[in-house]
Amino acid sequence: MPKIKTNRAAAKRFKKTGSGKVKYSKSFGSHILAKKSRKRKRDLRQSHILDDANMKNIKRLLPYW
């Protein structure tokens, strides 16, 4: 049985934490910032933890985690 290829786009966007959760950065935080509120831009700077509902999709893209 051949190995499964890792999705390289997903590998660059997601990191695994020590406890096994998935950390990621939110999108829409790099340009067209004038119309976004200060609170929204501050929230976009933080890293976030992926919820359990989307964990199955990430496991499919990154099989050797």
N, C-alpha and C. Protein backbone atom coordinates (compact mmCIF):
# COMPACT_ATOMS: atom_id res chain seq x y z
N MET A 1 0.85 -1.19 0.00
CA MET A 1 0.00 0.00 0.00
C MET A 1 0.89 1.24 0.00
N PRO A 2 0.72 2.15 -0.94
CA PRO A 2 1.57 3.35 -0.99
C PRO A 2 1.21 4.33 0.13
N LYS A 3 2.15 5.19 0.41
CA LYS A 3 1.92 6.22 1.42
C LYS A 3 0.91 7.24 0.89
N ILE A 4 0.23 7.90 1.82
CA ILE A 4 -0.71 8.97 1.46
C ILE A 4 0.06 10.28 1.44
N LYS A 5 -0.16 11.09 0.42
CA LYS A 5 0.53 12.38 0.34
C LYS A 5 -0.10 13.37 1.30
N THR A 6 0.77 14.14 1.95
CA THR A 6 0.32 15.24 2.81
C THR A 6 -0.03 16.43 1.94
N ASN A 7 -1.13 17.09 2.23
CA ASN A 7 -1.51 18.31 1.53
C ASN A 7 -0.58 19.43 2.01
N ARG A 8 0.29 19.92 1.13
CA ARG A 8 1.31 20.89 1.53
C ARG A 8 0.72 22.24 1.91
N ALA A 9 -0.40 22.62 1.29
CA ALA A 9 -1.05 23.87 1.65
C ALA A 9 -1.55 23.82 3.09
N ALA A 10 -2.13 22.69 3.48
CA ALA A 10 -2.62 22.53 4.85
C ALA A 10 -1.46 22.45 5.84
N ALA A 11 -0.36 21.82 5.44
CA ALA A 11 0.78 21.69 6.33
C ALA A 11 1.39 23.05 6.67
N LYS A 12 1.29 24.01 5.75
CA LYS A 12 1.82 25.35 6.01
C LYS A 12 0.87 26.19 6.86
N ARG A 13 -0.42 25.86 6.87
CA ARG A 13 -1.41 26.69 7.55
C ARG A 13 -1.75 26.23 8.96
N PHE A 14 -1.52 24.97 9.27
CA PHE A 14 -1.91 24.42 10.57
C PHE A 14 -0.70 23.87 11.30
N LYS A 15 -0.70 24.05 12.63
CA LYS A 15 0.35 23.50 13.49
C LYS A 15 -0.33 22.71 14.60
N LYS A 16 0.33 21.70 15.07
CA LYS A 16 -0.20 20.89 16.14
C LYS A 16 0.38 21.37 17.47
N THR A 17 -0.45 21.52 18.48
CA THR A 17 0.02 21.94 19.79
C THR A 17 0.49 20.72 20.58
N GLY A 18 1.06 20.96 21.74
CA GLY A 18 1.56 19.87 22.56
C GLY A 18 0.46 18.95 23.06
N SER A 19 -0.74 19.49 23.25
CA SER A 19 -1.85 18.68 23.74
C SER A 19 -2.61 17.99 22.61
N GLY A 20 -2.17 18.20 21.34
CA GLY A 20 -2.80 17.53 20.21
C GLY A 20 -3.87 18.33 19.50
N LYS A 21 -4.10 19.56 19.94
CA LYS A 21 -5.07 20.41 19.26
C LYS A 21 -4.42 21.05 18.04
N VAL A 22 -5.24 21.62 17.16
CA VAL A 22 -4.74 22.23 15.93
C VAL A 22 -4.84 23.74 16.04
N LYS A 23 -3.72 24.43 15.82
CA LYS A 23 -3.65 25.88 15.90
C LYS A 23 -3.58 26.44 14.49
N TYR A 24 -4.24 27.59 14.25
CA TYR A 24 -4.23 28.20 12.93
C TYR A 24 -4.41 29.71 13.06
N SER A 25 -4.12 30.43 11.98
CA SER A 25 -4.34 31.87 11.93
C SER A 25 -5.58 32.15 11.10
N LYS A 26 -6.34 33.14 11.51
CA LYS A 26 -7.54 33.52 10.76
C LYS A 26 -7.16 34.26 9.49
N SER A 27 -8.03 34.21 8.51
CA SER A 27 -7.80 34.89 7.24
C SER A 27 -8.34 36.32 7.30
N PHE A 28 -8.12 37.06 6.23
CA PHE A 28 -8.61 38.43 6.04
C PHE A 28 -7.91 39.45 6.93
N GLY A 29 -6.67 39.19 7.34
CA GLY A 29 -6.01 40.13 8.24
C GLY A 29 -4.82 40.84 7.66
N SER A 30 -4.62 40.79 6.34
CA SER A 30 -3.39 41.34 5.79
C SER A 30 -3.56 42.60 4.96
N HIS A 31 -4.75 42.85 4.41
CA HIS A 31 -4.93 44.06 3.62
C HIS A 31 -6.40 44.50 3.70
N ILE A 32 -6.68 45.67 3.16
CA ILE A 32 -8.00 46.32 3.28
C ILE A 32 -8.39 46.41 4.76
N LEU A 33 -7.49 46.98 5.55
CA LEU A 33 -7.71 47.03 6.99
C LEU A 33 -8.43 48.29 7.45
N ALA A 34 -8.55 49.29 6.58
CA ALA A 34 -9.15 50.56 7.00
C ALA A 34 -10.61 50.41 7.37
N LYS A 35 -11.34 49.55 6.66
CA LYS A 35 -12.77 49.40 6.94
C LYS A 35 -13.06 48.42 8.07
N LYS A 36 -12.05 47.72 8.57
CA LYS A 36 -12.26 46.77 9.66
C LYS A 36 -12.09 47.47 11.00
N SER A 37 -12.88 47.06 11.97
CA SER A 37 -12.84 47.71 13.27
C SER A 37 -11.55 47.32 14.02
N ARG A 38 -11.22 48.12 15.00
CA ARG A 38 -10.02 47.86 15.81
C ARG A 38 -10.14 46.52 16.52
N LYS A 39 -11.33 46.23 17.03
CA LYS A 39 -11.55 44.97 17.73
C LYS A 39 -11.39 43.77 16.79
N ARG A 40 -11.90 43.91 15.56
CA ARG A 40 -11.80 42.82 14.59
C ARG A 40 -10.35 42.57 14.18
N LYS A 41 -9.58 43.64 13.96
CA LYS A 41 -8.17 43.49 13.58
C LYS A 41 -7.36 42.89 14.72
N ARG A 42 -7.69 43.27 15.95
CA ARG A 42 -7.00 42.72 17.12
C ARG A 42 -7.28 41.22 17.23
N ASP A 43 -8.51 40.81 16.95
CA ASP A 43 -8.86 39.39 17.00
C ASP A 43 -8.18 38.60 15.89
N LEU A 44 -7.96 39.23 14.74
CA LEU A 44 -7.32 38.53 13.62
C LEU A 44 -5.84 38.29 13.87
N ARG A 45 -5.21 39.07 14.76
CA ARG A 45 -3.79 38.88 15.05
C ARG A 45 -3.52 37.63 15.88
N GLN A 46 -4.51 37.17 16.62
CA GLN A 46 -4.33 36.05 17.53
C GLN A 46 -4.40 34.72 16.76
N SER A 47 -3.73 33.72 17.29
CA SER A 47 -3.90 32.38 16.74
C SER A 47 -5.10 31.73 17.41
N HIS A 48 -5.74 30.82 16.72
CA HIS A 48 -6.97 30.21 17.20
C HIS A 48 -6.83 28.69 17.17
N ILE A 49 -7.69 28.03 17.95
CA ILE A 49 -7.71 26.57 18.03
C ILE A 49 -8.88 26.07 17.19
N LEU A 50 -8.61 25.07 16.38
CA LEU A 50 -9.63 24.50 15.50
C LEU A 50 -10.66 23.74 16.32
N ASP A 51 -11.94 23.87 15.97
CA ASP A 51 -12.99 23.16 16.70
C ASP A 51 -13.07 21.71 16.25
N ASP A 52 -13.74 20.90 17.06
CA ASP A 52 -13.81 19.47 16.81
C ASP A 52 -14.58 19.12 15.53
N ALA A 53 -15.50 19.98 15.12
CA ALA A 53 -16.30 19.70 13.93
C ALA A 53 -15.44 19.67 12.67
N ASN A 54 -14.38 20.46 12.61
CA ASN A 54 -13.51 20.51 11.44
C ASN A 54 -12.26 19.65 11.58
N MET A 55 -12.08 19.00 12.71
CA MET A 55 -10.87 18.21 12.95
C MET A 55 -10.76 17.03 11.98
N LYS A 56 -11.91 16.43 11.62
CA LYS A 56 -11.88 15.26 10.74
C LYS A 56 -11.36 15.64 9.35
N ASN A 57 -11.72 16.83 8.87
CA ASN A 57 -11.25 17.27 7.55
C ASN A 57 -9.74 17.50 7.54
N ILE A 58 -9.20 18.02 8.63
CA ILE A 58 -7.77 18.28 8.72
C ILE A 58 -6.99 16.96 8.81
N LYS A 59 -7.56 16.00 9.52
CA LYS A 59 -6.91 14.68 9.61
C LYS A 59 -6.77 14.05 8.22
N ARG A 60 -7.73 14.32 7.35
CA ARG A 60 -7.67 13.78 5.99
C ARG A 60 -6.57 14.45 5.18
N LEU A 61 -6.35 15.74 5.40
CA LEU A 61 -5.32 16.47 4.66
C LEU A 61 -3.92 16.21 5.20
N LEU A 62 -3.84 15.95 6.50
CA LEU A 62 -2.54 15.73 7.16
C LEU A 62 -2.56 14.36 7.84
N PRO A 63 -2.35 13.31 7.07
CA PRO A 63 -2.56 11.96 7.61
C PRO A 63 -1.50 11.50 8.61
N TYR A 64 -0.31 12.08 8.61
CA TYR A 64 0.78 11.55 9.45
C TYR A 64 1.07 12.45 10.64
N TRP A 65 0.01 12.99 11.25
CA TRP A 65 0.18 13.84 12.42
C TRP A 65 0.17 13.03 13.66
